[in-house]
Every structure is written in C-alpha cells, then in structure tokens.
C-alpha atoms as a PDB file:
ATOM      1  CA  MET A   1     -33.878   5.957 114.450  1.00  0.00           C
ATOM      2  CA  GLU A   2     -33.188   8.288 117.381  1.00  0.00           C
ATOM      3  CA  LYS A   3     -35.426  11.330 117.879  1.00  0.00           C
ATOM      4  CA  SER A   4     -32.540  13.752 117.284  1.00  0.00           C
ATOM      5  CA  THR A   5     -31.656  11.981 114.052  1.00  0.00           C
ATOM      6  CA  ALA A   6     -35.256  12.148 112.830  1.00  0.00           C
ATOM      7  CA  ILE A   7     -35.449  15.852 113.708  1.00  0.00           C
ATOM      8  CA  ALA A   8     -32.170  16.572 111.979  1.00  0.00           C
ATOM      9  CA  ARG A   9     -33.091  14.775 108.774  1.00  0.00           C
ATOM     10  CA  SER A  10     -36.385  16.616 108.530  1.00  0.00           C
ATOM     11  CA  ALA A  11     -34.795  19.978 109.384  1.00  0.00           C
ATOM     12  CA  THR A  12     -31.804  19.766 107.083  1.00  0.00           C
ATOM     13  CA  ASN A  13     -32.328  16.793 104.790  1.00  0.00           C
ATOM     14  CA  SER A  14     -28.707  15.841 105.554  1.00  0.00           C
ATOM     15  CA  ALA A  15     -27.019  12.591 106.387  1.00  0.00           C
ATOM     16  CA  LEU A  16     -26.558  12.506 110.149  1.00  0.00           C
ATOM     17  CA  HIS A  17     -24.802   9.800 112.111  1.00  0.00           C
ATOM     18  CA  GLY A  18     -24.629   9.180 115.850  1.00  0.00           C
ATOM     19  CA  LEU A  19     -21.064   8.117 116.588  1.00  0.00           C
ATOM     20  CA  ALA A  20     -21.235   7.803 120.379  1.00  0.00           C
ATOM     21  CA  PRO A  21     -23.465   9.126 123.166  1.00  0.00           C
ATOM     22  CA  GLY A  22     -23.465  12.913 122.772  1.00  0.00           C
ATOM     23  CA  VAL A  23     -21.451  12.856 119.518  1.00  0.00           C
ATOM     24  CA  GLU A  24     -23.128  13.263 116.137  1.00  0.00           C
ATOM     25  CA  ARG A  25     -21.658  13.805 112.691  1.00  0.00           C
ATOM     26  CA  MET A  26     -23.359  15.723 109.905  1.00  0.00           C
ATOM     27  CA  MET A  27     -22.127  15.258 106.359  1.00  0.00           C
ATOM     28  CA  THR A  28     -22.215  18.295 104.054  1.00  0.00           C
ATOM     29  CA  VAL A  29     -21.200  17.757 100.454  1.00  0.00           C
ATOM     30  CA  PHE A  30     -17.855  16.004 101.089  1.00  0.00           C
ATOM     31  CA  VAL A  31     -16.785  17.216 104.550  1.00  0.00           C
ATOM     32  CA  ASN A  32     -18.011  16.560 108.091  1.00  0.00           C
ATOM     33  CA  LEU A  33     -19.232  18.632 111.024  1.00  0.00           C
ATOM     34  CA  TYR A  34     -19.374  17.314 114.564  1.00  0.00           C
ATOM     35  CA  PHE A  35     -21.815  18.244 117.323  1.00  0.00           C
ATOM     36  CA  ILE A  36     -20.671  17.252 120.809  1.00  0.00           C
ATOM     37  CA  GLN A  37     -23.068  17.572 123.740  1.00  0.00           C
ATOM     38  CA  SER A  38     -21.842  17.629 127.344  1.00  0.00           C
ATOM     39  CA  ASP A  39     -23.684  16.020 130.242  1.00  0.00           C
ATOM     40  CA  ASP A  40     -24.828  19.482 131.386  1.00  0.00           C
ATOM     41  CA  GLY A  41     -26.603  20.076 128.038  1.00  0.00           C
ATOM     42  CA  SER A  42     -24.049  22.523 126.634  1.00  0.00           C
ATOM     43  CA  TRP A  43     -22.744  21.687 123.201  1.00  0.00           C
ATOM     44  CA  PHE A  44     -19.856  22.337 120.871  1.00  0.00           C
ATOM     45  CA  LEU A  45     -19.622  22.509 117.103  1.00  0.00           C
ATOM     46  CA  ILE A  46     -16.522  21.334 115.294  1.00  0.00           C
ATOM     47  CA  ASP A  47     -17.055  22.787 111.847  1.00  0.00           C
ATOM     48  CA  THR A  48     -14.995  21.564 108.931  1.00  0.00           C
ATOM     49  CA  GLY A  49     -17.787  22.610 106.609  1.00  0.00           C
ATOM     50  CA  LEU A  50     -17.900  24.521 103.394  1.00  0.00           C
ATOM     51  CA  PRO A  51     -19.161  27.998 102.545  1.00  0.00           C
ATOM     52  CA  MET A  52     -22.894  28.197 101.828  1.00  0.00           C
ATOM     53  CA  GLN A  53     -23.711  25.424 104.351  1.00  0.00           C
ATOM     54  CA  ALA A  54     -24.432  27.679 107.358  1.00  0.00           C
ATOM     55  CA  SER A  55     -28.221  27.562 106.951  1.00  0.00           C
ATOM     56  CA  ARG A  56     -28.225  23.745 106.984  1.00  0.00           C
ATOM     57  CA  VAL A  57     -25.982  23.622 110.053  1.00  0.00           C
ATOM     58  CA  ARG A  58     -28.051  26.272 111.847  1.00  0.00           C
ATOM     59  CA  ALA A  59     -31.340  24.471 111.050  1.00  0.00           C
ATOM     60  CA  TRP A  60     -30.021  21.204 112.437  1.00  0.00           C
ATOM     61  CA  ALA A  61     -28.598  22.833 115.572  1.00  0.00           C
ATOM     62  CA  GLU A  62     -31.866  24.686 116.243  1.00  0.00           C
ATOM     63  CA  ALA A  63     -33.893  21.492 115.761  1.00  0.00           C
ATOM     64  CA  ARG A  64     -31.592  19.504 118.050  1.00  0.00           C
ATOM     65  CA  PHE A  65     -30.679  22.032 120.770  1.00  0.00           C
ATOM     66  CA  GLY A  66     -33.356  24.746 120.486  1.00  0.00           C
ATOM     67  CA  PRO A  67     -33.475  28.098 118.686  1.00  0.00           C
ATOM     68  CA  THR A  68     -31.957  30.095 121.546  1.00  0.00           C
ATOM     69  CA  SER A  69     -29.122  27.694 122.324  1.00  0.00           C
ATOM     70  CA  GLY A  70     -25.713  28.395 120.867  1.00  0.00           C
ATOM     71  CA  PRO A  71     -22.537  26.355 120.962  1.00  0.00           C
ATOM     72  CA  GLN A  72     -19.961  26.894 123.681  1.00  0.00           C
ATOM     73  CA  ARG A  73     -16.828  28.783 122.680  1.00  0.00           C
ATOM     74  CA  SER A  74     -13.428  27.332 123.407  1.00  0.00           C
ATOM     75  CA  SER A  75     -10.865  29.555 125.023  1.00  0.00           C
END
C-alpha cells in the first residue's frame, strides 16, 4: 500500500484508489471524488461528492497535501 493511501485511510477511513500516477479516487457513500496532483506539487479536486462529506474530504486532503495546501482553482 502506498504511503498516501495509508495516510488517507487512517485520516478518513474511506476507500481510496490510486488510478494513475498523481490521480487518486476517493469513494464517499455512492459517488467519487478525484484528487489530481501536478508535477509541480499543485493539486486539483474534482468533487462529485455529497453534502455532509466535506470533513472527510478535508481530512484526506490535509493528510495527503498538508494542512496549509489548498487545491488550485480553474479559471
């Protein structure tokens, strides 16, 4: 198991799957969220999640990317 996967499972107790280098999927209830990390370390969140899941998503993102790192915004 990859370090990021182990961190994420302990932080959120969620099913997390690495799909490709820099691409990870988190399952919440019955929908998916995707975290995509660029080579420069910036990251993006594609959130198709449900209400009341924000704390789980935030905990995973903080465990994986650090508490002061936020996702990039698309323009």
